[in-house]
Amino acid sequence: MKNLNSPLFKNIFTLGALWNWGVGLIGLVFTDFAIGLFFGAVAVTDNYFALLMFRIVMLAVIIFGIGYFMVSRSLYLNRGLVWLGLLSKMILFFMFTWYFILGMATIFAFLTVAGDLIWSLIFLAFLWQTRDSVDVNIFLG
């Protein structure tokens, strides 16, 4: 059983924040490049709404990174954010794996969400190993 004061978990969530910030900032700043990496050159478009949706997703990725950084600062108070991160990363993994199988996403996109799957397993390990250290319940902390 791990303690919620573990520097290991604090470092893990700081790295998780950096992972999300890196992906999100690249997607925001180099939008066409990122779309090409994830979906291929044919997907790069001038369609305003498609670009807006992609940028909104990249903002959400950055915001989740802020959440992981918050978790790293207080493992006790932000357990719900870990559950949300776990759920979102699993959904992205299965969604992009399906798109990759259909030929609608690149190997780079698949490898990126494979990284998210690894983060999901780490988040799950955190939630499991610290389940007895919470005050309210396993979801809230």
N, C-alpha and C. Protein backbone atom coordinates (compact mmCIF):
# COMPACT_ATOMS: atom_id res chain seq x y z
N MET A 1 0.83 -1.17 0.00
CA MET A 1 0.00 0.00 0.00
C MET A 1 0.88 1.25 0.00
N LYS A 2 0.64 2.12 -0.93
CA LYS A 2 1.44 3.34 -1.04
C LYS A 2 0.81 4.47 -0.23
N ASN A 3 1.66 5.35 0.22
CA ASN A 3 1.23 6.51 0.97
C ASN A 3 0.95 7.65 -0.01
N LEU A 4 -0.06 8.45 0.29
CA LEU A 4 -0.38 9.57 -0.58
C LEU A 4 0.64 10.71 -0.50
N ASN A 5 1.61 10.59 0.36
CA ASN A 5 2.69 11.59 0.41
C ASN A 5 3.89 11.17 -0.43
N SER A 6 3.76 10.07 -1.16
CA SER A 6 4.87 9.52 -1.93
C SER A 6 5.39 10.51 -2.97
N PRO A 7 6.69 10.81 -2.95
CA PRO A 7 7.24 11.68 -4.00
C PRO A 7 7.14 11.03 -5.37
N LEU A 8 7.09 9.70 -5.41
CA LEU A 8 6.95 9.01 -6.69
C LEU A 8 5.67 9.45 -7.39
N PHE A 9 4.55 9.42 -6.68
CA PHE A 9 3.28 9.82 -7.29
C PHE A 9 3.28 11.30 -7.67
N LYS A 10 3.86 12.13 -6.85
CA LYS A 10 3.93 13.56 -7.18
C LYS A 10 4.71 13.76 -8.48
N ASN A 11 5.82 13.05 -8.63
CA ASN A 11 6.62 13.15 -9.85
C ASN A 11 5.90 12.57 -11.05
N ILE A 12 5.19 11.47 -10.85
CA ILE A 12 4.44 10.86 -11.95
C ILE A 12 3.40 11.83 -12.49
N PHE A 13 2.65 12.48 -11.60
CA PHE A 13 1.62 13.40 -12.09
C PHE A 13 2.21 14.68 -12.67
N THR A 14 3.37 15.09 -12.21
CA THR A 14 4.06 16.22 -12.84
C THR A 14 4.47 15.84 -14.26
N LEU A 15 5.00 14.64 -14.44
CA LEU A 15 5.35 14.16 -15.79
C LEU A 15 4.11 14.03 -16.66
N GLY A 16 3.01 13.56 -16.07
CA GLY A 16 1.75 13.47 -16.81
C GLY A 16 1.29 14.84 -17.30
N ALA A 17 1.46 15.85 -16.46
CA ALA A 17 1.12 17.22 -16.86
C ALA A 17 1.99 17.66 -18.02
N LEU A 18 3.29 17.40 -17.93
CA LEU A 18 4.21 17.78 -19.01
C LEU A 18 3.86 17.06 -20.32
N TRP A 19 3.48 15.79 -20.23
CA TRP A 19 3.07 15.02 -21.41
C TRP A 19 1.90 15.73 -22.10
N ASN A 20 0.86 16.05 -21.32
CA ASN A 20 -0.31 16.69 -21.90
C ASN A 20 0.00 18.09 -22.43
N TRP A 21 0.78 18.85 -21.68
CA TRP A 21 1.13 20.19 -22.14
C TRP A 21 1.91 20.13 -23.44
N GLY A 22 2.81 19.17 -23.56
CA GLY A 22 3.59 19.03 -24.79
C GLY A 22 2.71 18.73 -25.99
N VAL A 23 1.85 17.74 -25.85
CA VAL A 23 0.95 17.36 -26.95
C VAL A 23 0.02 18.52 -27.28
N GLY A 24 -0.59 19.12 -26.26
CA GLY A 24 -1.55 20.19 -26.48
C GLY A 24 -0.94 21.43 -27.10
N LEU A 25 0.22 21.84 -26.62
CA LEU A 25 0.86 23.04 -27.17
C LEU A 25 1.32 22.83 -28.60
N ILE A 26 1.85 21.66 -28.90
CA ILE A 26 2.23 21.38 -30.29
C ILE A 26 0.99 21.44 -31.18
N GLY A 27 -0.11 20.86 -30.71
CA GLY A 27 -1.35 20.90 -31.48
C GLY A 27 -1.90 22.29 -31.69
N LEU A 28 -1.75 23.15 -30.69
CA LEU A 28 -2.25 24.52 -30.81
C LEU A 28 -1.34 25.40 -31.67
N VAL A 29 -0.06 25.30 -31.46
CA VAL A 29 0.88 26.20 -32.14
C VAL A 29 1.16 25.74 -33.57
N PHE A 30 1.28 24.45 -33.77
CA PHE A 30 1.59 23.89 -35.08
C PHE A 30 0.42 23.02 -35.54
N THR A 31 -0.74 23.63 -35.70
CA THR A 31 -1.98 22.90 -35.95
C THR A 31 -1.90 22.03 -37.20
N ASP A 32 -1.52 22.60 -38.33
CA ASP A 32 -1.45 21.81 -39.57
C ASP A 32 -0.46 20.66 -39.44
N PHE A 33 0.68 20.93 -38.83
CA PHE A 33 1.69 19.90 -38.61
C PHE A 33 1.11 18.77 -37.75
N ALA A 34 0.42 19.13 -36.66
CA ALA A 34 -0.14 18.13 -35.76
C ALA A 34 -1.25 17.32 -36.43
N ILE A 35 -2.10 17.98 -37.19
CA ILE A 35 -3.16 17.26 -37.91
C ILE A 35 -2.54 16.29 -38.89
N GLY A 36 -1.49 16.72 -39.59
CA GLY A 36 -0.79 15.83 -40.51
C GLY A 36 -0.18 14.63 -39.80
N LEU A 37 0.41 14.87 -38.62
CA LEU A 37 0.99 13.77 -37.85
C LEU A 37 -0.06 12.76 -37.41
N PHE A 38 -1.21 13.25 -37.01
CA PHE A 38 -2.24 12.37 -36.47
C PHE A 38 -3.11 11.72 -37.54
N PHE A 39 -3.38 12.46 -38.62
CA PHE A 39 -4.36 11.95 -39.59
C PHE A 39 -3.83 11.87 -41.02
N GLY A 40 -2.60 12.30 -41.25
CA GLY A 40 -2.04 12.27 -42.60
C GLY A 40 -2.21 13.61 -43.29
N ALA A 41 -1.39 13.83 -44.30
CA ALA A 41 -1.38 15.11 -45.01
C ALA A 41 -2.71 15.41 -45.67
N VAL A 42 -3.44 14.39 -46.07
CA VAL A 42 -4.71 14.60 -46.75
C VAL A 42 -5.76 15.22 -45.82
N ALA A 43 -5.57 15.09 -44.52
CA ALA A 43 -6.53 15.63 -43.55
C ALA A 43 -6.32 17.11 -43.26
N VAL A 44 -5.17 17.67 -43.64
CA VAL A 44 -4.91 19.09 -43.40
C VAL A 44 -5.91 19.88 -44.23
N THR A 45 -6.61 20.79 -43.58
CA THR A 45 -7.72 21.47 -44.22
C THR A 45 -7.75 22.94 -43.85
N ASP A 46 -8.47 23.70 -44.62
CA ASP A 46 -8.73 25.10 -44.30
C ASP A 46 -10.13 25.27 -43.70
N ASN A 47 -10.82 24.16 -43.47
CA ASN A 47 -12.17 24.21 -42.93
C ASN A 47 -12.13 24.80 -41.52
N TYR A 48 -12.78 25.94 -41.37
CA TYR A 48 -12.76 26.68 -40.10
C TYR A 48 -13.25 25.82 -38.94
N PHE A 49 -14.36 25.14 -39.10
CA PHE A 49 -14.93 24.37 -38.00
C PHE A 49 -14.08 23.16 -37.63
N ALA A 50 -13.49 22.52 -38.62
CA ALA A 50 -12.61 21.39 -38.33
C ALA A 50 -11.38 21.85 -37.53
N LEU A 51 -10.81 22.97 -37.94
CA LEU A 51 -9.66 23.52 -37.22
C LEU A 51 -10.05 23.97 -35.82
N LEU A 52 -11.23 24.57 -35.70
CA LEU A 52 -11.71 25.00 -34.39
C LEU A 52 -11.88 23.80 -33.46
N MET A 53 -12.48 22.73 -33.95
CA MET A 53 -12.68 21.54 -33.13
C MET A 53 -11.35 20.92 -32.71
N PHE A 54 -10.40 20.87 -33.62
CA PHE A 54 -9.08 20.33 -33.28
C PHE A 54 -8.43 21.18 -32.20
N ARG A 55 -8.52 22.49 -32.34
CA ARG A 55 -7.91 23.37 -31.33
C ARG A 55 -8.62 23.26 -29.98
N ILE A 56 -9.92 23.08 -29.99
CA ILE A 56 -10.65 22.88 -28.73
C ILE A 56 -10.19 21.60 -28.05
N VAL A 57 -9.98 20.55 -28.82
CA VAL A 57 -9.47 19.30 -28.25
C VAL A 57 -8.08 19.53 -27.66
N MET A 58 -7.24 20.27 -28.37
CA MET A 58 -5.89 20.54 -27.85
C MET A 58 -5.95 21.37 -26.56
N LEU A 59 -6.89 22.31 -26.49
CA LEU A 59 -7.08 23.07 -25.25
C LEU A 59 -7.51 22.14 -24.11
N ALA A 60 -8.40 21.20 -24.41
CA ALA A 60 -8.82 20.24 -23.39
C ALA A 60 -7.64 19.40 -22.90
N VAL A 61 -6.77 19.02 -23.82
CA VAL A 61 -5.57 18.26 -23.44
C VAL A 61 -4.71 19.09 -22.49
N ILE A 62 -4.54 20.37 -22.80
CA ILE A 62 -3.76 21.25 -21.93
C ILE A 62 -4.43 21.40 -20.57
N ILE A 63 -5.75 21.56 -20.57
CA ILE A 63 -6.48 21.71 -19.30
C ILE A 63 -6.35 20.45 -18.45
N PHE A 64 -6.43 19.28 -19.07
CA PHE A 64 -6.19 18.04 -18.31
C PHE A 64 -4.78 18.04 -17.73
N GLY A 65 -3.82 18.58 -18.48
CA GLY A 65 -2.46 18.70 -17.95
C GLY A 65 -2.41 19.57 -16.71
N ILE A 66 -3.18 20.65 -16.72
CA ILE A 66 -3.27 21.49 -15.52
C ILE A 66 -3.85 20.67 -14.37
N GLY A 67 -4.85 19.85 -14.67
CA GLY A 67 -5.43 18.98 -13.65
C GLY A 67 -4.41 18.01 -13.07
N TYR A 68 -3.59 17.41 -13.92
CA TYR A 68 -2.57 16.47 -13.43
C TYR A 68 -1.53 17.20 -12.57
N PHE A 69 -1.23 18.45 -12.96
CA PHE A 69 -0.30 19.22 -12.13
C PHE A 69 -0.93 19.51 -10.76
N MET A 70 -2.23 19.80 -10.75
CA MET A 70 -2.93 20.00 -9.47
C MET A 70 -2.86 18.75 -8.62
N VAL A 71 -3.03 17.59 -9.25
CA VAL A 71 -2.93 16.32 -8.52
C VAL A 71 -1.53 16.19 -7.92
N SER A 72 -0.51 16.54 -8.68
CA SER A 72 0.87 16.40 -8.19
C SER A 72 1.12 17.28 -6.97
N ARG A 73 0.40 18.38 -6.85
CA ARG A 73 0.58 19.28 -5.71
C ARG A 73 -0.21 18.80 -4.49
N SER A 74 -1.33 18.10 -4.70
CA SER A 74 -2.12 17.60 -3.57
C SER A 74 -2.79 16.29 -3.97
N LEU A 75 -2.14 15.19 -3.66
CA LEU A 75 -2.66 13.87 -4.02
C LEU A 75 -3.95 13.56 -3.27
N TYR A 76 -4.13 14.14 -2.09
CA TYR A 76 -5.33 13.89 -1.28
C TYR A 76 -6.58 14.50 -1.88
N LEU A 77 -6.46 15.72 -2.40
CA LEU A 77 -7.64 16.50 -2.75
C LEU A 77 -8.12 16.35 -4.18
N ASN A 78 -7.36 15.73 -5.03
CA ASN A 78 -7.68 15.76 -6.46
C ASN A 78 -7.85 14.39 -7.09
N ARG A 79 -8.29 13.43 -6.32
CA ARG A 79 -8.46 12.07 -6.80
C ARG A 79 -9.47 11.99 -7.96
N GLY A 80 -10.51 12.80 -7.90
CA GLY A 80 -11.51 12.81 -8.97
C GLY A 80 -10.91 13.16 -10.31
N LEU A 81 -9.92 14.05 -10.32
CA LEU A 81 -9.24 14.40 -11.57
C LEU A 81 -8.51 13.20 -12.16
N VAL A 82 -7.98 12.35 -11.29
CA VAL A 82 -7.29 11.15 -11.78
C VAL A 82 -8.29 10.22 -12.45
N TRP A 83 -9.47 10.07 -11.85
CA TRP A 83 -10.52 9.24 -12.48
C TRP A 83 -10.92 9.80 -13.84
N LEU A 84 -11.09 11.11 -13.94
CA LEU A 84 -11.44 11.73 -15.22
C LEU A 84 -10.34 11.53 -16.25
N GLY A 85 -9.09 11.69 -15.83
CA GLY A 85 -7.96 11.47 -16.73
C GLY A 85 -7.90 10.04 -17.21
N LEU A 86 -8.10 9.10 -16.28
CA LEU A 86 -8.11 7.68 -16.64
C LEU A 86 -9.18 7.40 -17.68
N LEU A 87 -10.38 7.88 -17.44
CA LEU A 87 -11.48 7.66 -18.37
C LEU A 87 -11.20 8.28 -19.74
N SER A 88 -10.74 9.52 -19.76
CA SER A 88 -10.51 10.19 -21.04
C SER A 88 -9.38 9.54 -21.82
N LYS A 89 -8.32 9.13 -21.14
CA LYS A 89 -7.21 8.49 -21.83
C LYS A 89 -7.60 7.12 -22.40
N MET A 90 -8.43 6.39 -21.67
CA MET A 90 -8.90 5.09 -22.18
C MET A 90 -9.79 5.29 -23.41
N ILE A 91 -10.69 6.26 -23.34
CA ILE A 91 -11.56 6.54 -24.48
C ILE A 91 -10.72 6.93 -25.70
N LEU A 92 -9.75 7.82 -25.51
CA LEU A 92 -8.89 8.22 -26.63
C LEU A 92 -8.12 7.04 -27.20
N PHE A 93 -7.62 6.18 -26.32
CA PHE A 93 -6.87 5.02 -26.80
C PHE A 93 -7.74 4.14 -27.69
N PHE A 94 -8.93 3.79 -27.22
CA PHE A 94 -9.78 2.90 -28.01
C PHE A 94 -10.29 3.58 -29.28
N MET A 95 -10.61 4.86 -29.20
CA MET A 95 -11.09 5.59 -30.36
C MET A 95 -10.01 5.67 -31.44
N PHE A 96 -8.80 6.09 -31.07
CA PHE A 96 -7.74 6.23 -32.06
C PHE A 96 -7.22 4.88 -32.54
N THR A 97 -7.28 3.85 -31.71
CA THR A 97 -6.92 2.51 -32.18
C THR A 97 -7.88 2.08 -33.27
N TRP A 98 -9.17 2.34 -33.06
CA TRP A 98 -10.17 2.00 -34.08
C TRP A 98 -9.93 2.79 -35.36
N TYR A 99 -9.66 4.09 -35.22
CA TYR A 99 -9.37 4.91 -36.40
C TYR A 99 -8.12 4.43 -37.12
N PHE A 100 -7.12 4.00 -36.37
CA PHE A 100 -5.90 3.47 -36.98
C PHE A 100 -6.20 2.19 -37.75
N ILE A 101 -6.99 1.30 -37.18
CA ILE A 101 -7.37 0.06 -37.86
C ILE A 101 -8.11 0.36 -39.15
N LEU A 102 -8.96 1.39 -39.12
CA LEU A 102 -9.73 1.77 -40.31
C LEU A 102 -8.90 2.56 -41.32
N GLY A 103 -7.66 2.92 -40.97
CA GLY A 103 -6.81 3.70 -41.86
C GLY A 103 -7.10 5.19 -41.81
N MET A 104 -7.80 5.64 -40.78
CA MET A 104 -8.16 7.06 -40.67
C MET A 104 -7.22 7.84 -39.75
N ALA A 105 -6.30 7.15 -39.09
CA ALA A 105 -5.30 7.79 -38.23
C ALA A 105 -3.95 7.16 -38.52
N THR A 106 -2.91 7.90 -38.26
CA THR A 106 -1.55 7.45 -38.57
C THR A 106 -0.98 6.60 -37.44
N ILE A 107 0.14 5.97 -37.73
CA ILE A 107 0.86 5.20 -36.71
C ILE A 107 1.31 6.14 -35.58
N PHE A 108 1.64 7.38 -35.91
CA PHE A 108 2.02 8.35 -34.88
C PHE A 108 0.88 8.58 -33.91
N ALA A 109 -0.34 8.72 -34.43
CA ALA A 109 -1.51 8.91 -33.55
C ALA A 109 -1.68 7.69 -32.66
N PHE A 110 -1.54 6.50 -33.25
CA PHE A 110 -1.69 5.28 -32.46
C PHE A 110 -0.62 5.21 -31.36
N LEU A 111 0.62 5.53 -31.70
CA LEU A 111 1.70 5.49 -30.69
C LEU A 111 1.49 6.53 -29.59
N THR A 112 0.96 7.68 -29.97
CA THR A 112 0.68 8.71 -28.96
C THR A 112 -0.38 8.24 -27.98
N VAL A 113 -1.46 7.65 -28.49
CA VAL A 113 -2.50 7.17 -27.56
C VAL A 113 -2.07 5.88 -26.87
N ALA A 114 -1.10 5.16 -27.43
CA ALA A 114 -0.53 4.04 -26.68
C ALA A 114 0.19 4.58 -25.45
N GLY A 115 0.82 5.75 -25.59
CA GLY A 115 1.39 6.44 -24.43
C GLY A 115 0.31 6.79 -23.43
N ASP A 116 -0.85 7.23 -23.92
CA ASP A 116 -1.97 7.51 -23.02
C ASP A 116 -2.45 6.25 -22.31
N LEU A 117 -2.41 5.11 -23.00
CA LEU A 117 -2.78 3.85 -22.35
C LEU A 117 -1.82 3.55 -21.21
N ILE A 118 -0.54 3.77 -21.43
CA ILE A 118 0.44 3.56 -20.35
C ILE A 118 0.14 4.49 -19.18
N TRP A 119 -0.16 5.76 -19.48
CA TRP A 119 -0.54 6.69 -18.41
C TRP A 119 -1.79 6.19 -17.68
N SER A 120 -2.74 5.64 -18.43
CA SER A 120 -3.96 5.11 -17.81
C SER A 120 -3.64 4.01 -16.82
N LEU A 121 -2.74 3.13 -17.20
CA LEU A 121 -2.35 2.04 -16.30
C LEU A 121 -1.65 2.58 -15.05
N ILE A 122 -0.84 3.61 -15.23
CA ILE A 122 -0.17 4.24 -14.09
C ILE A 122 -1.21 4.90 -13.18
N PHE A 123 -2.18 5.60 -13.78
CA PHE A 123 -3.24 6.23 -12.98
C PHE A 123 -4.04 5.17 -12.23
N LEU A 124 -4.35 4.08 -12.90
CA LEU A 124 -5.09 2.99 -12.25
C LEU A 124 -4.29 2.41 -11.09
N ALA A 125 -3.00 2.25 -11.28
CA ALA A 125 -2.15 1.75 -10.19
C ALA A 125 -2.17 2.71 -9.01
N PHE A 126 -2.11 4.01 -9.28
CA PHE A 126 -2.20 5.01 -8.21
C PHE A 126 -3.52 4.87 -7.46
N LEU A 127 -4.62 4.81 -8.21
CA LEU A 127 -5.94 4.72 -7.57
C LEU A 127 -6.07 3.45 -6.74
N TRP A 128 -5.55 2.36 -7.24
CA TRP A 128 -5.63 1.08 -6.53
C TRP A 128 -4.75 1.09 -5.28
N GLN A 129 -3.51 1.51 -5.45
CA GLN A 129 -2.55 1.45 -4.34
C GLN A 129 -2.85 2.44 -3.22
N THR A 130 -3.63 3.45 -3.51
CA THR A 130 -3.94 4.46 -2.49
C THR A 130 -5.40 4.41 -2.04
N ARG A 131 -6.11 3.38 -2.41
CA ARG A 131 -7.54 3.31 -2.13
C ARG A 131 -7.87 3.34 -0.64
N ASP A 132 -6.98 2.84 0.20
CA ASP A 132 -7.24 2.82 1.64
C ASP A 132 -6.78 4.09 2.34
N SER A 133 -6.20 5.01 1.60
CA SER A 133 -5.66 6.24 2.20
C SER A 133 -6.59 7.43 2.06
N VAL A 134 -7.82 7.19 1.63
CA VAL A 134 -8.73 8.30 1.35
C VAL A 134 -9.68 8.53 2.52
N ASP A 135 -10.22 9.74 2.61
CA ASP A 135 -11.12 10.11 3.69
C ASP A 135 -12.59 9.93 3.32
N VAL A 136 -12.98 10.29 2.10
CA VAL A 136 -14.39 10.30 1.71
C VAL A 136 -14.76 9.00 1.02
N ASN A 137 -14.24 8.78 -0.17
CA ASN A 137 -14.47 7.54 -0.91
C ASN A 137 -13.41 7.40 -1.99
N ILE A 138 -13.42 6.27 -2.69
CA ILE A 138 -12.35 6.00 -3.66
C ILE A 138 -12.40 6.94 -4.86
N PHE A 139 -13.52 7.61 -5.08
CA PHE A 139 -13.62 8.52 -6.21
C PHE A 139 -13.15 9.93 -5.88
N LEU A 140 -13.52 10.41 -4.72
CA LEU A 140 -13.24 11.80 -4.37
C LEU A 140 -11.96 12.00 -3.59
N GLY A 141 -11.59 11.05 -2.78
CA GLY A 141 -10.39 11.19 -1.96
C GLY A 141 -10.72 11.29 -0.50
